[in-house]
């Protein structure tokens, strides 16, 4: 009885226990279709509320790599010290497939830690604990297909197809697509949203997003993220984890301008022709080859030529009519060719311009003038006949020719007309020409020019041409005129006789 009273008067002594590590999570719910970040606490607590628990330190947590269809992306966690009642906040990344069955899953966590056993010795212990997680029934989503037309340095469309793989319909769903890459823009910013009022179980929905890639972007794959907020049939709300949406950055659409041929010549209208080839990764619909106006002395008659649809690797011919002014100089000229086209979404795109050198030849006469009859005796008149040949590669019309000359040459009919002169065609024109009686026998220049119309309707005045005209001695030979000499001689004879007669008389 005394012993019992003594025992009851002694207060109870708290027990000290070895570490007892547990997991605690407030929201273990997983959303299928992406990576879930599950937060939990690692708690070191004894079996009784009054007990003291020894500290655990150097705590290593190694989760299992896979639990059924769930893949654990986190490989290891570490806690330096875990005192009694002071939990450590940790998290696991769990990749949950969209078609996972609902239910509870237990994630094994292999622990290794050290503690002091009360006798001054450090003890290492290894054990396995479990983190329970739960997959609930309801709407679940999976990205089933993507397609992008965006090229580096350009704008295109990203199509994202998502399926409701869950067990029920989703209502008032909002899909938000986001980009964390600075080289990728969605619309005018880094994110864009789409709304679906009713999304049936098993139904696919395809969303289109305008996507832009900067010039600094790299060809290849980019990873965008999507999240879907929705309402369940029972009125509660839910959100998916981050869904991965791949984006393929395509190479820039490129074109090559080859086989360039130039008939450009100073003072004339010529042609630049060539072949354009689609060397890009996609088809170019309604392609148009463009020519940038190169300056005041080179004037394109047209600045765009339609070549139709070009599949990758396909080529098409093109041709531009270009006028080179008479003030231009001969030599190479750099022309800037471009290609506009429509992509698969029907949007008009502009490829980078392609600089190419073309040759501009020196000026040549429009006509070749060849004398047929250009010899006249002094003091005579006749017909000056000239053969005129069109040296250009296009027909010339309403060709008016006019001659100019100086004394001793003159003309009473100094104009001629040719209605039409085809390329390479020759016609003879005629003028009346007179050589003065006192003309010295030699070659004289007769100048002439032409006024004509080009096929585009422009009226042109040519440069001045010079035709040699030969003037020969008068008919009957050279020397002084015969009749005046004879008459003078007779006068002298007669006059001399008369004087002689008078003197004799």
Protein backbone atom coordinates (compact mmCIF):
# COMPACT_ATOMS: atom_id res chain seq x y z
CA UNK A 1 0.00 0.00 0.00
CA UNK A 2 2.85 2.41 0.81
CA UNK A 3 4.64 1.33 -2.29
CA UNK A 4 1.52 1.92 -4.30
CA UNK A 5 1.08 5.40 -2.86
CA UNK A 6 4.69 6.20 -3.59
CA UNK A 7 4.32 4.99 -7.15
CA UNK A 8 1.22 7.03 -7.73
CA UNK A 9 2.91 10.15 -6.44
CA UNK A 10 5.79 9.92 -8.96
CA UNK A 11 4.95 11.66 -12.29
CA UNK A 12 5.08 9.60 -15.51
CA UNK A 13 8.36 9.89 -17.43
CA UNK A 14 8.05 10.67 -21.24
CA UNK A 15 9.49 8.04 -23.52
CA UNK A 16 12.06 8.78 -26.26
CA UNK A 17 11.54 6.85 -29.47
CA UNK A 18 13.45 6.41 -32.66
CA UNK A 19 12.47 8.41 -35.76
CA UNK A 20 9.12 7.53 -37.26
CA UNK A 21 8.78 9.22 -40.70
CA UNK A 22 5.40 9.53 -42.42
CA UNK A 23 3.90 11.35 -45.42
CA UNK A 24 1.06 13.82 -45.17
CA UNK A 25 -0.71 15.41 -48.20
CA UNK A 26 -3.77 17.61 -48.27
CA UNK A 27 -4.60 17.26 -51.97
CA UNK A 28 -3.52 13.93 -53.43
CA UNK A 29 -5.82 14.20 -56.47
CA UNK A 30 -4.20 13.65 -59.87
CA UNK A 31 -5.41 14.95 -63.21
CA UNK A 32 -4.73 12.61 -66.13
CA UNK A 33 -3.17 13.77 -69.35
CA UNK A 34 -0.01 15.46 -68.18
CA UNK A 35 2.54 16.07 -65.46
CA UNK A 36 1.15 16.63 -61.96
CA UNK A 37 3.14 18.36 -59.24
CA UNK A 38 2.06 16.66 -55.99
CA UNK A 39 3.02 18.50 -52.81
CA UNK A 40 3.37 16.59 -49.54
CA UNK A 41 5.01 16.85 -46.14
CA UNK A 42 7.59 14.52 -44.66
CA UNK A 43 6.84 14.29 -40.92
CA UNK A 44 8.95 12.74 -38.15
CA UNK A 45 6.59 11.89 -35.26
CA UNK A 46 6.51 9.20 -32.55
CA UNK A 47 3.68 6.93 -31.67
CA UNK A 48 2.41 8.93 -28.71
CA UNK A 49 1.62 12.58 -28.25
CA UNK A 50 3.81 12.84 -25.13
CA UNK A 51 6.68 10.90 -26.58
CA UNK A 52 9.85 12.52 -27.80
CA UNK A 53 11.20 11.43 -31.19
CA UNK A 54 14.85 11.51 -32.03
CA UNK A 55 15.90 13.76 -34.95
CA UNK A 56 16.55 12.19 -38.32
CA UNK A 57 19.22 13.66 -40.54
CA UNK A 58 20.74 13.06 -43.97
CA UNK A 59 17.33 11.91 -45.13
CA UNK A 60 17.38 10.60 -48.72
CA UNK A 61 14.05 9.95 -50.46
CA UNK A 62 14.16 7.80 -53.62
CA UNK A 63 10.72 7.33 -55.23
CA UNK A 64 9.92 4.32 -57.37
CA UNK A 65 10.24 5.06 -61.09
CA UNK A 66 6.77 3.84 -62.05
CA UNK A 67 3.59 2.81 -60.33
CA UNK A 68 1.30 1.12 -62.83
CA UNK A 69 0.71 3.61 -65.66
CA UNK A 70 2.00 6.53 -63.59
CA UNK A 71 5.62 7.55 -64.23
CA UNK A 72 7.51 9.28 -61.43
CA UNK A 73 9.82 11.89 -62.97
CA UNK A 74 11.43 12.90 -59.64
CA UNK A 75 14.44 10.72 -58.98
CA UNK A 76 15.58 11.79 -55.49
CA UNK A 77 14.77 14.24 -52.68
CA UNK A 78 16.98 15.23 -49.74
CA UNK A 79 16.31 16.65 -46.28
CA UNK A 80 19.28 17.62 -44.19
CA UNK A 81 17.51 17.41 -40.84
CA UNK A 82 14.04 16.26 -39.77
CA UNK A 83 13.38 17.12 -36.10
CA UNK A 84 10.39 15.88 -34.15
CA UNK A 85 7.18 17.55 -35.28
CA UNK A 86 8.82 19.87 -37.83
CA UNK A 87 7.74 18.63 -41.27
CA UNK A 88 9.68 19.21 -44.50
CA UNK A 89 7.77 20.40 -47.58
CA UNK A 90 8.52 18.29 -50.68
CA UNK A 91 6.90 17.53 -54.02
CA UNK A 92 6.92 14.87 -56.72
CA UNK A 93 6.43 15.22 -60.47
CA UNK A 94 4.11 12.51 -61.72
CA UNK A 95 3.40 11.98 -65.40
CA UNK A 96 -0.15 10.68 -65.50
CA UNK A 97 -1.38 9.32 -68.86
CA UNK A 98 -4.72 10.49 -70.14
CA UNK A 99 -6.21 7.00 -70.20
CA UNK A 100 -5.33 6.09 -66.60
CA UNK A 101 -8.12 4.40 -64.66
CA UNK A 102 -9.61 6.20 -61.72
CA UNK A 103 -8.71 4.96 -58.23
CA UNK A 104 -6.05 5.24 -55.53
CA UNK A 105 -2.36 4.61 -56.20
CA UNK A 106 0.44 4.33 -53.63
CA UNK A 107 3.82 5.77 -54.61
CA UNK A 108 6.69 3.88 -52.85
CA UNK A 109 9.30 6.14 -51.26
CA UNK A 110 12.53 4.40 -50.24
CA UNK A 111 14.06 6.21 -47.27
CA UNK A 112 17.57 6.16 -45.88
CA UNK A 113 18.47 8.32 -42.87
CA UNK A 114 20.62 8.52 -39.76
CA UNK A 115 19.85 9.22 -36.07
CA UNK A 116 21.58 9.07 -32.66
CA UNK A 117 20.38 6.03 -30.67
CA UNK A 118 20.72 7.57 -27.20
CA UNK A 119 23.90 5.70 -26.40
CA UNK A 120 26.10 8.09 -28.33
CA UNK A 121 26.10 6.03 -31.50
CA UNK A 122 24.88 7.07 -34.98
CA UNK A 123 22.62 4.55 -36.60
CA UNK A 124 21.62 4.37 -40.29
CA UNK A 125 18.24 3.00 -41.22
CA UNK A 126 16.50 2.18 -44.48
CA UNK A 127 12.76 1.76 -44.88
CA UNK A 128 9.95 2.25 -47.39
CA UNK A 129 6.92 4.45 -46.86
CA UNK A 130 4.08 5.27 -49.28
CA UNK A 131 2.51 8.41 -50.65
CA UNK A 132 -1.16 7.77 -51.55
CA UNK A 133 -2.54 9.61 -54.62
CA UNK A 134 -5.97 9.44 -56.19
CA UNK A 135 -7.25 9.62 -59.77
CA UNK A 136 -10.88 10.70 -59.80
CA UNK A 137 -13.45 9.91 -62.47
CA UNK A 138 -14.73 12.67 -64.72
CA UNK A 139 -13.46 14.60 -67.78
CA UNK A 140 -9.89 13.85 -68.75
CA UNK A 141 -7.99 15.27 -71.72
CA UNK A 142 -5.19 14.21 -74.02
CA UNK A 143 -3.41 16.03 -76.86
CA UNK A 144 -3.78 13.63 -79.78
CA UNK A 145 -2.41 15.65 -82.73
CA UNK A 146 -0.69 18.91 -83.67
CA UNK A 147 0.14 20.52 -87.00
CA UNK A 148 2.04 23.75 -87.61
CA UNK A 149 2.71 25.89 -90.67
CA UNK A 150 4.86 28.45 -88.84
CA UNK A 151 8.28 29.08 -90.36
CA UNK A 152 11.31 30.73 -88.83
CA UNK A 153 10.92 34.47 -89.25
CA UNK A 154 7.29 34.09 -90.30
CA UNK A 155 3.75 33.52 -89.13
CA UNK A 156 1.62 30.40 -89.47
CA UNK A 157 -1.12 28.40 -87.82
CA UNK A 158 -0.76 25.83 -85.06
CA UNK A 159 -3.57 23.27 -84.99
CA UNK A 160 -4.00 21.42 -81.68
CA UNK A 161 -6.41 18.47 -81.44
CA UNK A 162 -7.46 17.44 -77.93
CA UNK A 163 -9.70 14.51 -76.93
CA UNK A 164 -11.85 14.10 -73.84
CA UNK A 165 -10.67 10.65 -72.74
CA UNK A 166 -12.42 10.82 -69.37
CA UNK A 167 -15.57 9.19 -68.08
CA UNK A 168 -17.96 12.14 -68.43
CA UNK A 169 -18.80 15.29 -70.36
CA UNK A 170 -17.02 18.57 -69.60
CA UNK A 171 -18.90 21.86 -69.56
CA UNK A 172 -17.76 25.48 -70.03
CA UNK A 173 -14.21 24.37 -70.75
CA UNK A 174 -11.43 26.91 -71.37
CA UNK A 175 -8.20 25.83 -73.03
CA UNK A 176 -5.22 28.12 -72.44
CA UNK A 177 -2.14 27.61 -74.61
CA UNK A 178 1.06 29.28 -73.39
CA UNK A 179 4.60 29.73 -74.65
CA UNK A 180 7.57 30.33 -72.39
CA UNK A 181 9.97 30.59 -75.35
CA UNK A 182 10.78 34.22 -76.29
CA UNK A 183 11.05 33.27 -79.98
CA UNK A 184 7.46 31.96 -80.11
CA UNK A 185 4.38 34.19 -79.98
CA UNK A 186 0.74 33.16 -79.90
CA UNK A 187 -1.35 35.86 -81.51
CA UNK A 188 -0.07 39.12 -80.08
CA UNK A 189 1.29 37.68 -76.84
CA UNK A 190 2.65 34.63 -75.08
CA UNK A 191 -0.72 32.91 -74.49
CA UNK A 192 -4.10 32.46 -76.11
CA UNK A 193 -7.41 30.90 -75.00
CA UNK A 194 -10.28 29.00 -76.61
CA UNK A 195 -13.73 28.14 -75.17
CA UNK A 196 -15.91 25.02 -75.54
CA UNK A 197 -19.39 24.99 -74.04
CA UNK A 198 -19.97 21.21 -74.15
CA UNK A 199 -17.21 18.65 -74.63
CA UNK A 200 -18.55 15.13 -74.84
CA UNK A 201 -16.73 12.06 -73.63
CA UNK A 202 -14.55 10.68 -76.47
CA UNK A 203 -14.98 13.85 -78.55
CA UNK A 204 -12.05 15.48 -80.39
CA UNK A 205 -11.78 19.25 -80.58
CA UNK A 206 -9.34 21.05 -82.88
CA UNK A 207 -8.16 24.55 -81.99
CA UNK A 208 -6.25 26.95 -84.25
CA UNK A 209 -3.72 29.45 -82.93
CA UNK A 210 -1.87 32.11 -84.93
CA UNK A 211 1.79 31.46 -84.27
CA UNK A 212 4.78 33.68 -85.02
CA UNK A 213 8.46 32.73 -84.92
CA UNK A 214 11.19 35.34 -84.70
CA UNK A 215 14.21 35.39 -86.99
CA UNK A 216 16.27 34.18 -84.02
CA UNK A 217 14.18 31.02 -83.68
CA UNK A 218 15.79 27.68 -84.52
CA UNK A 219 14.40 25.07 -86.84
CA UNK A 220 13.10 22.16 -84.78
CA UNK A 221 10.72 21.38 -81.95
CA UNK A 222 9.44 23.75 -79.29
CA UNK A 223 7.36 22.71 -76.29
CA UNK A 224 4.24 24.73 -75.44
CA UNK A 225 1.96 24.10 -72.48
CA UNK A 226 -1.82 23.90 -72.32
CA UNK A 227 -4.24 23.78 -69.43
CA UNK A 228 -7.97 23.10 -69.51
CA UNK A 229 -10.33 24.38 -66.84
CA UNK A 230 -13.74 22.71 -66.89
CA UNK A 231 -16.94 21.97 -64.99
CA UNK A 232 -17.98 18.42 -64.14
CA UNK A 233 -21.54 17.13 -64.51
CA UNK A 234 -22.06 17.44 -60.73
CA UNK A 235 -21.23 21.15 -60.86
CA UNK A 236 -17.76 20.92 -59.34
CA UNK A 237 -14.81 22.36 -61.21
CA UNK A 238 -11.52 20.86 -62.24
CA UNK A 239 -8.29 21.68 -64.04
CA UNK A 240 -5.91 19.56 -65.99
CA UNK A 241 -2.22 19.51 -65.25
CA UNK A 242 0.09 21.15 -67.76
CA UNK A 243 -0.45 19.40 -71.10
CA UNK A 244 2.57 19.35 -73.41
CA UNK A 245 1.89 20.68 -76.91
CA UNK A 246 4.74 20.25 -79.42
CA UNK A 247 5.39 22.95 -82.01
CA UNK A 248 7.53 22.24 -85.04
CA UNK A 249 9.39 25.34 -86.27
CA UNK A 250 9.76 24.89 -90.01
CA UNK A 251 12.59 26.33 -92.08
CA UNK A 252 11.92 29.60 -93.87
CA UNK A 253 10.21 29.24 -97.21
CA UNK A 254 12.98 29.81 -99.72
CA UNK A 255 13.06 30.20 -103.48
CA UNK A 256 15.88 30.25 -106.04
CA UNK A 257 15.92 32.45 -109.28
CA UNK A 258 18.11 30.64 -111.87
CA UNK A 259 18.80 30.48 -115.72
CA UNK A 260 18.57 34.26 -115.93
CA UNK A 261 18.61 35.61 -119.48
CA UNK A 262 18.80 39.33 -120.28
CA UNK A 263 18.15 41.24 -123.48
CA UNK A 264 18.41 44.60 -121.75
CA UNK A 265 20.11 47.34 -123.72
CA UNK A 266 20.62 51.05 -123.09
CA UNK A 267 17.83 53.10 -124.64
CA UNK A 268 15.65 50.09 -125.35
CA UNK A 269 12.95 47.93 -123.86
CA UNK A 270 14.18 44.41 -123.17
CA UNK A 271 13.36 41.26 -121.23
CA UNK A 272 14.73 39.47 -118.18
CA UNK A 273 13.59 35.86 -117.97
CA UNK A 274 14.46 32.97 -115.69
CA UNK A 275 13.22 30.07 -113.60
CA UNK A 276 11.94 30.18 -110.01
CA UNK A 277 12.15 27.04 -107.84
CA UNK A 278 10.43 26.37 -104.53
CA UNK A 279 13.26 25.16 -102.30
CA UNK A 280 11.21 25.45 -99.09
CA UNK A 281 9.57 22.74 -97.02
CA UNK A 282 5.95 23.39 -98.07
CA UNK A 283 3.85 24.07 -101.13
CA UNK A 284 3.48 27.71 -102.17
CA UNK A 285 -0.01 28.37 -103.51
CA UNK A 286 -0.74 31.20 -105.96
CA UNK A 287 2.94 32.12 -106.12
CA UNK A 288 3.87 35.45 -107.71
CA UNK A 289 7.42 36.48 -108.65
CA UNK A 290 7.94 40.16 -107.86
CA UNK A 291 10.55 42.65 -109.05
CA UNK A 292 11.55 45.61 -106.92
CA UNK A 293 11.88 48.86 -108.87
CA UNK A 294 15.67 49.24 -109.13
CA UNK A 295 15.92 52.96 -109.85
CA UNK A 296 15.32 55.80 -112.31
CA UNK A 297 17.28 54.39 -115.26
CA UNK A 298 15.78 50.89 -115.07
CA UNK A 299 12.00 50.89 -115.35
CA UNK A 300 10.06 47.63 -115.11
CA UNK A 301 7.04 47.61 -117.41
CA UNK A 302 5.49 45.17 -114.92
CA UNK A 303 6.56 44.31 -111.38
CA UNK A 304 4.83 40.98 -110.77
CA UNK A 305 4.34 37.74 -112.69
CA UNK A 306 2.02 34.95 -111.50
CA UNK A 307 3.53 31.45 -111.72
CA UNK A 308 0.81 29.40 -109.97
CA UNK A 309 1.25 26.78 -107.26
CA UNK A 310 4.76 25.45 -106.63
CA UNK A 311 5.23 22.24 -104.69
CA UNK A 312 8.56 21.70 -102.90
CA UNK A 313 11.23 21.29 -105.59
CA UNK A 314 8.93 22.44 -108.40
CA UNK A 315 10.01 25.15 -110.87
CA UNK A 316 8.25 27.59 -113.19
CA UNK A 317 9.44 30.13 -115.80
CA UNK A 318 8.94 33.88 -115.48
CA UNK A 319 9.68 36.93 -117.61
CA UNK A 320 9.74 40.70 -117.01
CA UNK A 321 9.68 43.47 -119.64
CA UNK A 322 12.05 46.24 -118.57
CA UNK A 323 12.93 49.56 -120.20
CA UNK A 324 16.46 50.97 -119.90
CA UNK A 325 16.61 54.72 -120.38
CA UNK A 326 19.03 56.29 -122.84
CA UNK A 327 20.79 58.03 -119.93
CA UNK A 328 21.76 54.68 -118.40
CA UNK A 329 25.21 53.18 -118.80
CA UNK A 330 26.03 49.68 -119.89
CA UNK A 331 27.15 47.09 -117.36
CA UNK A 332 25.78 44.77 -114.68
CA UNK A 333 22.67 45.73 -112.70
CA UNK A 334 21.45 44.16 -109.47
CA UNK A 335 17.76 43.31 -109.50
CA UNK A 336 15.81 42.22 -106.41
CA UNK A 337 13.43 39.34 -107.06
CA UNK A 338 10.90 38.23 -104.47
CA UNK A 339 8.10 35.68 -104.17
CA UNK A 340 4.71 36.15 -102.54
CA UNK A 341 2.52 33.13 -101.98
CA UNK A 342 -0.30 31.69 -99.91
CA UNK A 343 0.41 29.09 -97.24
CA UNK A 344 -1.81 26.13 -96.36
CA UNK A 345 -4.01 28.41 -94.27
CA UNK A 346 -4.62 30.79 -97.15
CA UNK A 347 -2.53 33.54 -95.57
CA UNK A 348 -0.41 35.66 -97.92
CA UNK A 349 3.29 35.35 -97.16
CA UNK A 350 6.39 37.13 -98.49
CA UNK A 351 9.65 35.24 -98.93
CA UNK A 352 13.01 36.94 -98.55
CA UNK A 353 14.11 38.81 -101.67
CA UNK A 354 16.77 37.31 -103.92
CA UNK A 355 19.41 39.65 -105.41
CA UNK A 356 20.70 38.73 -108.87
CA UNK A 357 22.99 40.47 -111.38
CA UNK A 358 21.85 40.97 -114.98
CA UNK A 359 23.80 42.50 -117.84
CA UNK A 360 22.75 45.70 -119.62
CA UNK A 361 24.35 46.01 -123.05
CA UNK A 362 25.39 49.25 -124.64
CA UNK A 363 23.15 51.25 -126.93
CA UNK A 364 22.82 50.17 -130.57
CA UNK A 365 21.06 51.91 -133.48
CA UNK A 366 17.44 51.01 -134.03
CA UNK A 367 18.07 50.81 -137.75
CA UNK A 368 20.76 49.76 -140.12
CA UNK A 369 20.90 52.15 -143.10
CA UNK A 370 22.62 50.92 -146.27
CA UNK A 371 22.99 53.10 -149.41
CA UNK A 372 21.68 51.52 -152.60
CA UNK A 373 21.91 54.47 -154.99
CA UNK A 374 23.92 57.33 -153.48
CA UNK A 375 26.13 58.58 -156.34
CA UNK A 376 25.36 61.81 -158.21
CA UNK A 377 27.22 63.81 -160.84
CA UNK A 378 27.77 67.48 -160.21
CA UNK A 379 24.96 69.55 -161.56
CA UNK A 380 22.55 66.61 -161.68
CA UNK A 381 19.47 65.45 -159.80
CA UNK A 382 18.29 61.94 -158.96
CA UNK A 383 16.84 59.50 -156.45
CA UNK A 384 18.69 58.68 -153.26
CA UNK A 385 17.78 55.08 -152.39
CA UNK A 386 18.50 53.68 -148.93
CA UNK A 387 17.78 50.25 -147.44
CA UNK A 388 16.48 50.49 -143.85
CA UNK A 389 16.59 47.40 -141.59
CA UNK A 390 14.89 47.05 -138.19
CA UNK A 391 17.62 45.80 -135.82
CA UNK A 392 15.33 45.53 -132.78
CA UNK A 393 13.54 42.39 -131.60
CA UNK A 394 10.07 43.93 -131.88
CA UNK A 395 8.11 45.51 -134.73
CA UNK A 396 8.23 49.25 -135.28
CA UNK A 397 5.36 51.16 -136.88
CA UNK A 398 4.73 54.56 -138.45
CA UNK A 399 8.40 55.01 -139.27
CA UNK A 400 9.06 58.49 -140.66
CA UNK A 401 12.51 59.25 -142.08
CA UNK A 402 13.85 62.72 -142.85
CA UNK A 403 17.16 63.75 -144.40
CA UNK A 404 19.24 66.87 -143.83
CA UNK A 405 22.11 68.13 -145.96
CA UNK A 406 24.30 71.14 -146.62
CA UNK A 407 25.26 72.87 -149.88
CA UNK A 408 26.10 71.83 -152.56
CA UNK A 409 23.47 69.10 -151.87
CA UNK A 410 19.77 69.89 -151.73
CA UNK A 411 16.44 68.08 -151.79
CA UNK A 412 12.94 68.83 -152.97
CA UNK A 413 11.55 65.70 -151.25
CA UNK A 414 13.34 65.00 -147.97
CA UNK A 415 10.85 62.68 -146.19
CA UNK A 416 9.91 59.01 -146.50
CA UNK A 417 7.48 56.73 -144.65
CA UNK A 418 7.34 53.02 -143.71
CA UNK A 419 4.05 51.81 -142.27
CA UNK A 420 5.47 48.77 -140.42
CA UNK A 421 8.88 47.17 -140.07
CA UNK A 422 9.16 43.74 -138.49
CA UNK A 423 12.27 42.65 -136.54
CA UNK A 424 15.05 42.05 -139.07
CA UNK A 425 12.90 43.27 -141.98
CA UNK A 426 14.33 45.66 -144.59
CA UNK A 427 12.59 48.16 -146.86
CA UNK A 428 13.86 50.70 -149.38
CA UNK A 429 13.11 54.38 -148.96
CA UNK A 430 13.70 57.09 -151.59
CA UNK A 431 14.43 60.82 -151.53
CA UNK A 432 15.01 63.41 -154.28
CA UNK A 433 18.56 64.77 -154.20
CA UNK A 434 20.43 67.36 -156.31
CA UNK A 435 24.14 68.11 -156.52
CA UNK A 436 25.08 71.69 -157.42
CA UNK A 437 26.90 72.36 -160.69
CA UNK A 438 29.83 73.75 -158.83
CA UNK A 439 30.11 70.79 -156.47
CA UNK A 440 33.55 69.42 -155.96
CA UNK A 441 33.81 65.72 -156.68
CA UNK A 442 34.00 64.01 -153.28
CA UNK A 443 31.93 62.24 -150.58
CA UNK A 444 29.39 64.39 -148.75
CA UNK A 445 27.47 63.46 -145.57
CA UNK A 446 23.68 63.35 -145.57
CA UNK A 447 22.18 63.24 -142.11
CA UNK A 448 18.88 61.59 -141.27
CA UNK A 449 16.76 60.59 -138.32
CA UNK A 450 13.62 58.53 -137.69
CA UNK A 451 10.46 58.94 -135.70
CA UNK A 452 8.61 55.71 -134.95
CA UNK A 453 6.15 54.04 -132.59
CA UNK A 454 7.01 51.14 -130.27
CA UNK A 455 4.57 48.26 -129.53
CA UNK A 456 3.67 49.89 -126.19
CA UNK A 457 2.51 53.01 -128.04
CA UNK A 458 5.46 55.23 -127.13
CA UNK A 459 6.71 57.51 -129.93
CA UNK A 460 10.51 57.62 -130.19
CA UNK A 461 12.86 59.93 -132.09
CA UNK A 462 16.06 58.14 -133.02
CA UNK A 463 19.60 59.33 -132.88
CA UNK A 464 21.02 60.98 -136.01
CA UNK A 465 22.35 58.70 -138.75
CA UNK A 466 24.89 59.77 -141.40
CA UNK A 467 24.80 58.44 -144.97
CA UNK A 468 27.70 58.97 -147.41
CA UNK A 469 26.73 60.47 -150.80
CA UNK A 470 29.29 60.42 -153.62
CA UNK A 471 29.42 63.41 -155.99
CA UNK A 472 31.34 62.83 -159.23
CA UNK A 473 32.58 65.11 -162.05
CA UNK A 474 30.01 66.53 -164.43
CA UNK A 475 29.14 64.47 -167.49
CA UNK A 476 31.61 65.05 -170.51
CA UNK A 477 34.86 64.96 -168.69
CA UNK A 478 36.88 67.40 -166.67
CA UNK A 479 38.57 70.71 -167.50
CA UNK A 480 37.08 74.07 -168.33
CA UNK A 481 33.68 74.16 -170.05
CA UNK A 482 34.04 73.51 -173.80
CA UNK A 483 31.64 76.08 -175.30
CA UNK A 484 32.91 79.10 -173.38
CA UNK A 485 36.48 78.24 -174.31
CA UNK A 486 35.66 77.79 -177.99
CA UNK A 487 33.63 80.97 -178.04
CA UNK A 488 36.42 82.85 -176.35
CA UNK A 489 38.90 81.49 -178.80
CA UNK A 490 36.70 82.56 -181.71
CA UNK A 491 36.34 86.01 -180.23
CA UNK A 492 40.04 86.22 -179.83
CA UNK A 493 40.64 85.02 -183.37
CA UNK A 494 38.05 87.32 -184.87
CA UNK A 495 39.11 90.26 -182.78
CA UNK A 496 42.76 89.68 -183.57
CA UNK A 497 42.10 89.55 -187.36
CA UNK A 498 40.10 92.72 -187.22
CA UNK A 499 42.90 94.55 -185.48
CA UNK A 500 45.48 93.19 -187.91
CA UNK A 501 43.32 94.31 -190.83
CA UNK A 502 42.96 97.83 -189.42
CA UNK A 503 46.63 98.18 -188.87
CA UNK A 504 47.43 97.10 -192.45
CA UNK A 505 45.00 99.57 -193.86
